[in-house]
C-alpha cells in the first residue's frame, strides 16, 4: 500500500509539474480546452488510465474546462500514486 507523502515532498514534486496546486489534502489542476468534446475526451483518457493504475481522481466537468483532484481516498492525503497520475495528465495536456 502507498504511504502519504510529506508536504515537502509534495511541493517538490509539484514544482516539476505544470499548474498543479496543493491544499494540504489533495492536488488539483484546472485544464481548459477548445471544445466541450475535447474536455470529455480528456475525462475518458484520464478515467482509463486511472482504472489501469487503480488510482481514481475526482473530476468536475464544465464548459470547455475540467478540474482534476487527486487524493488517496483510503489514506486521506497525497501519495506517490497521485503524483504519478498528475505526471501522466501533464504528458497529455502540455
N, C-alpha and C. Protein backbone atom coordinates (compact mmCIF):
# COMPACT_ATOMS: atom_id res chain seq x y z
N UNK A 1 0.84 -1.18 0.00
CA UNK A 1 0.00 0.00 0.00
C UNK A 1 0.89 1.25 0.00
N UNK A 2 0.47 2.27 -0.72
CA UNK A 2 1.19 3.54 -0.76
C UNK A 2 1.12 4.23 0.59
N UNK A 3 2.11 5.07 0.82
CA UNK A 3 2.12 5.88 2.03
C UNK A 3 1.90 7.33 1.65
N UNK A 4 1.41 8.12 2.60
CA UNK A 4 1.23 9.53 2.37
C UNK A 4 2.59 10.20 2.20
N UNK A 5 2.66 11.17 1.30
CA UNK A 5 3.88 11.95 1.12
C UNK A 5 3.86 13.14 2.08
N UNK A 6 5.03 13.62 2.43
CA UNK A 6 5.13 14.81 3.27
C UNK A 6 4.80 16.05 2.43
N UNK A 7 4.42 17.12 3.10
CA UNK A 7 4.17 18.38 2.39
C UNK A 7 5.39 18.80 1.58
N UNK A 8 6.56 18.63 2.14
CA UNK A 8 7.80 18.99 1.46
C UNK A 8 7.96 18.19 0.17
N UNK A 9 7.73 16.88 0.25
CA UNK A 9 7.85 16.02 -0.94
C UNK A 9 6.80 16.37 -1.99
N UNK A 10 5.60 16.65 -1.54
CA UNK A 10 4.53 17.01 -2.48
C UNK A 10 4.88 18.29 -3.22
N UNK A 11 5.27 19.31 -2.47
CA UNK A 11 5.61 20.59 -3.09
C UNK A 11 6.82 20.47 -4.01
N UNK A 12 7.77 19.63 -3.65
CA UNK A 12 8.93 19.39 -4.52
C UNK A 12 8.50 18.76 -5.83
N UNK A 13 7.64 17.75 -5.76
CA UNK A 13 7.15 17.08 -6.97
C UNK A 13 6.30 18.02 -7.83
N UNK A 14 5.44 18.81 -7.19
CA UNK A 14 4.59 19.73 -7.94
C UNK A 14 5.41 20.81 -8.64
N UNK A 15 6.58 21.12 -8.09
CA UNK A 15 7.46 22.09 -8.72
C UNK A 15 7.97 21.62 -10.08
N UNK A 16 7.90 20.33 -10.32
CA UNK A 16 8.33 19.75 -11.59
C UNK A 16 7.18 19.63 -12.59
N UNK A 17 5.96 19.93 -12.13
CA UNK A 17 4.77 19.77 -12.96
C UNK A 17 4.20 21.13 -13.35
N UNK A 18 3.18 21.12 -14.19
CA UNK A 18 2.61 22.36 -14.70
C UNK A 18 1.24 22.67 -14.10
N UNK A 19 1.18 23.73 -13.31
CA UNK A 19 -0.09 24.30 -12.85
C UNK A 19 -0.89 23.43 -11.89
N UNK A 20 -0.22 22.56 -11.14
CA UNK A 20 -0.91 21.80 -10.11
C UNK A 20 -0.84 22.58 -8.81
N UNK A 21 -1.88 22.47 -7.99
CA UNK A 21 -1.88 23.11 -6.68
C UNK A 21 -2.10 22.05 -5.60
N UNK A 22 -1.75 22.41 -4.38
CA UNK A 22 -1.87 21.51 -3.23
C UNK A 22 -2.52 22.29 -2.09
N UNK A 23 -3.58 21.72 -1.52
CA UNK A 23 -4.30 22.41 -0.44
C UNK A 23 -4.13 21.76 0.93
N UNK A 24 -3.17 20.86 1.04
CA UNK A 24 -2.95 20.17 2.31
C UNK A 24 -3.58 18.80 2.38
N UNK A 25 -4.50 18.51 1.44
CA UNK A 25 -5.18 17.21 1.40
C UNK A 25 -5.14 16.59 0.02
N UNK A 26 -5.22 17.44 -1.01
CA UNK A 26 -5.29 16.94 -2.38
C UNK A 26 -4.48 17.83 -3.31
N UNK A 27 -4.14 17.26 -4.48
CA UNK A 27 -3.54 18.06 -5.54
C UNK A 27 -4.60 18.26 -6.62
N UNK A 28 -4.57 19.42 -7.26
CA UNK A 28 -5.62 19.77 -8.22
C UNK A 28 -5.03 20.50 -9.42
N UNK A 29 -5.75 20.34 -10.53
CA UNK A 29 -5.40 21.08 -11.74
C UNK A 29 -6.67 21.38 -12.52
N UNK A 30 -6.76 22.62 -13.01
CA UNK A 30 -7.83 23.01 -13.92
C UNK A 30 -7.25 23.04 -15.32
N UNK A 31 -7.93 22.39 -16.25
CA UNK A 31 -7.44 22.27 -17.62
C UNK A 31 -8.52 22.79 -18.57
N UNK A 32 -8.13 23.71 -19.45
CA UNK A 32 -9.06 24.29 -20.43
C UNK A 32 -8.87 23.66 -21.80
N UNK A 33 -9.95 23.61 -22.56
CA UNK A 33 -9.96 23.00 -23.89
C UNK A 33 -10.64 23.91 -24.89
N UNK A 34 -10.38 23.67 -26.16
CA UNK A 34 -11.01 24.47 -27.22
C UNK A 34 -12.49 24.14 -27.36
N UNK A 35 -12.85 22.87 -27.15
CA UNK A 35 -14.26 22.47 -27.29
C UNK A 35 -14.68 21.62 -26.10
N UNK A 36 -15.97 21.57 -25.91
CA UNK A 36 -16.53 20.73 -24.85
C UNK A 36 -16.15 19.27 -25.05
N UNK A 37 -16.24 18.80 -26.30
CA UNK A 37 -15.94 17.39 -26.56
C UNK A 37 -14.46 17.07 -26.33
N UNK A 38 -13.56 18.04 -26.52
CA UNK A 38 -12.15 17.83 -26.17
C UNK A 38 -12.02 17.57 -24.67
N UNK A 39 -12.79 18.29 -23.86
CA UNK A 39 -12.73 18.07 -22.41
C UNK A 39 -13.28 16.70 -22.04
N UNK A 40 -14.32 16.27 -22.72
CA UNK A 40 -14.88 14.94 -22.46
C UNK A 40 -13.90 13.85 -22.89
N UNK A 41 -13.23 14.06 -24.01
CA UNK A 41 -12.22 13.10 -24.44
C UNK A 41 -11.12 12.96 -23.39
N UNK A 42 -10.70 14.09 -22.79
CA UNK A 42 -9.66 14.04 -21.75
C UNK A 42 -10.18 13.32 -20.51
N UNK A 43 -11.42 13.58 -20.12
CA UNK A 43 -12.01 12.87 -18.97
C UNK A 43 -11.94 11.36 -19.21
N UNK A 44 -12.30 10.93 -20.41
CA UNK A 44 -12.28 9.50 -20.72
C UNK A 44 -10.86 8.95 -20.72
N UNK A 45 -9.89 9.71 -21.22
CA UNK A 45 -8.50 9.28 -21.22
C UNK A 45 -7.99 9.12 -19.79
N UNK A 46 -8.28 10.11 -18.95
CA UNK A 46 -7.88 10.04 -17.54
C UNK A 46 -8.56 8.86 -16.85
N UNK A 47 -9.83 8.65 -17.12
CA UNK A 47 -10.56 7.55 -16.49
C UNK A 47 -9.96 6.19 -16.83
N UNK A 48 -9.57 6.03 -18.09
CA UNK A 48 -8.97 4.75 -18.49
C UNK A 48 -7.64 4.51 -17.78
N UNK A 49 -6.81 5.55 -17.69
CA UNK A 49 -5.51 5.40 -17.00
C UNK A 49 -5.73 5.21 -15.51
N UNK A 50 -6.69 5.91 -14.93
CA UNK A 50 -6.99 5.76 -13.51
C UNK A 50 -7.44 4.33 -13.19
N UNK A 51 -8.23 3.77 -14.07
CA UNK A 51 -8.68 2.39 -13.87
C UNK A 51 -7.51 1.42 -13.97
N UNK A 52 -6.64 1.66 -14.94
CA UNK A 52 -5.46 0.81 -15.11
C UNK A 52 -4.56 0.88 -13.87
N UNK A 53 -4.37 2.11 -13.37
CA UNK A 53 -3.48 2.32 -12.22
C UNK A 53 -4.18 2.08 -10.88
N UNK A 54 -5.50 1.89 -10.92
CA UNK A 54 -6.31 1.74 -9.71
C UNK A 54 -6.10 2.92 -8.76
N UNK A 55 -6.11 4.13 -9.35
CA UNK A 55 -5.97 5.36 -8.57
C UNK A 55 -6.87 6.41 -9.22
N UNK A 56 -8.05 6.59 -8.63
CA UNK A 56 -9.14 7.32 -9.27
C UNK A 56 -9.28 8.74 -8.73
N UNK A 57 -9.33 9.72 -9.63
CA UNK A 57 -9.49 11.11 -9.20
C UNK A 57 -10.96 11.49 -9.05
N UNK A 58 -11.17 12.63 -8.42
CA UNK A 58 -12.45 13.31 -8.51
C UNK A 58 -12.31 14.27 -9.69
N UNK A 59 -13.30 14.30 -10.56
CA UNK A 59 -13.24 15.16 -11.74
C UNK A 59 -14.55 15.92 -11.88
N UNK A 60 -14.40 17.20 -12.24
CA UNK A 60 -15.55 18.06 -12.48
C UNK A 60 -15.48 18.55 -13.91
N UNK A 61 -16.60 18.51 -14.61
CA UNK A 61 -16.67 18.93 -16.00
C UNK A 61 -17.47 20.22 -16.09
N UNK A 62 -16.90 21.20 -16.76
CA UNK A 62 -17.61 22.43 -17.08
C UNK A 62 -17.58 22.61 -18.59
N UNK A 63 -17.97 23.76 -19.04
CA UNK A 63 -17.94 24.02 -20.48
C UNK A 63 -16.50 24.32 -20.89
N UNK A 64 -15.89 23.39 -21.60
CA UNK A 64 -14.52 23.50 -22.12
C UNK A 64 -13.47 23.56 -21.01
N UNK A 65 -13.79 23.05 -19.83
CA UNK A 65 -12.84 23.02 -18.73
C UNK A 65 -13.14 21.82 -17.83
N UNK A 66 -12.08 21.23 -17.30
CA UNK A 66 -12.23 20.19 -16.29
C UNK A 66 -11.34 20.53 -15.10
N UNK A 67 -11.72 20.05 -13.93
CA UNK A 67 -10.89 20.15 -12.74
C UNK A 67 -10.65 18.72 -12.26
N UNK A 68 -9.39 18.40 -12.04
CA UNK A 68 -9.00 17.06 -11.61
C UNK A 68 -8.38 17.17 -10.22
N UNK A 69 -8.87 16.38 -9.27
CA UNK A 69 -8.35 16.34 -7.91
C UNK A 69 -7.87 14.93 -7.60
N UNK A 70 -6.67 14.84 -7.04
CA UNK A 70 -6.16 13.55 -6.59
C UNK A 70 -5.86 13.59 -5.11
N UNK A 71 -6.33 12.57 -4.42
CA UNK A 71 -6.00 12.29 -3.04
C UNK A 71 -6.22 10.80 -2.86
N UNK A 72 -5.58 10.21 -1.89
CA UNK A 72 -5.86 8.80 -1.60
C UNK A 72 -7.14 8.74 -0.78
N UNK A 73 -8.17 8.14 -1.35
CA UNK A 73 -9.43 8.02 -0.63
C UNK A 73 -9.27 7.11 0.60
N UNK A 74 -8.34 6.17 0.52
CA UNK A 74 -8.10 5.27 1.65
C UNK A 74 -7.29 5.92 2.76
N UNK A 75 -6.27 6.72 2.37
CA UNK A 75 -5.34 7.27 3.36
C UNK A 75 -5.62 8.72 3.73
N UNK A 76 -6.40 9.41 2.90
CA UNK A 76 -6.75 10.79 3.22
C UNK A 76 -5.65 11.80 2.98
N UNK A 77 -4.93 11.63 1.91
CA UNK A 77 -3.86 12.58 1.56
C UNK A 77 -3.23 12.21 0.24
N UNK A 78 -2.12 12.83 -0.07
CA UNK A 78 -1.45 12.65 -1.35
C UNK A 78 -0.37 11.57 -1.25
N UNK A 79 -0.37 10.67 -2.23
CA UNK A 79 0.59 9.57 -2.29
C UNK A 79 1.38 9.65 -3.59
N UNK A 80 2.35 8.75 -3.74
CA UNK A 80 3.09 8.66 -4.99
C UNK A 80 2.17 8.39 -6.17
N UNK A 81 1.12 7.61 -5.94
CA UNK A 81 0.15 7.33 -6.99
C UNK A 81 -0.52 8.59 -7.50
N UNK A 82 -0.80 9.52 -6.60
CA UNK A 82 -1.40 10.81 -7.00
C UNK A 82 -0.42 11.56 -7.91
N UNK A 83 0.84 11.61 -7.50
CA UNK A 83 1.86 12.31 -8.29
C UNK A 83 2.06 11.64 -9.63
N UNK A 84 2.07 10.32 -9.66
CA UNK A 84 2.24 9.59 -10.92
C UNK A 84 1.09 9.90 -11.88
N UNK A 85 -0.12 9.98 -11.36
CA UNK A 85 -1.26 10.31 -12.22
C UNK A 85 -1.17 11.76 -12.70
N UNK A 86 -0.71 12.66 -11.85
CA UNK A 86 -0.53 14.05 -12.26
C UNK A 86 0.50 14.15 -13.39
N UNK A 87 1.57 13.39 -13.27
CA UNK A 87 2.59 13.36 -14.33
C UNK A 87 2.00 12.84 -15.63
N UNK A 88 1.19 11.80 -15.55
CA UNK A 88 0.55 11.25 -16.73
C UNK A 88 -0.32 12.33 -17.40
N UNK A 89 -1.13 13.01 -16.62
CA UNK A 89 -2.01 14.03 -17.17
C UNK A 89 -1.19 15.15 -17.82
N UNK A 90 -0.10 15.55 -17.18
CA UNK A 90 0.75 16.58 -17.79
C UNK A 90 1.28 16.16 -19.15
N UNK A 91 1.59 14.87 -19.33
CA UNK A 91 2.10 14.42 -20.62
C UNK A 91 1.02 14.50 -21.70
N UNK A 92 -0.24 14.49 -21.30
CA UNK A 92 -1.35 14.53 -22.24
C UNK A 92 -1.90 15.93 -22.49
N UNK A 93 -1.50 16.89 -21.66
CA UNK A 93 -2.08 18.22 -21.77
C UNK A 93 -1.08 19.32 -22.09
N UNK A 94 0.21 19.01 -22.13
CA UNK A 94 1.21 20.06 -22.38
C UNK A 94 1.97 19.82 -23.66
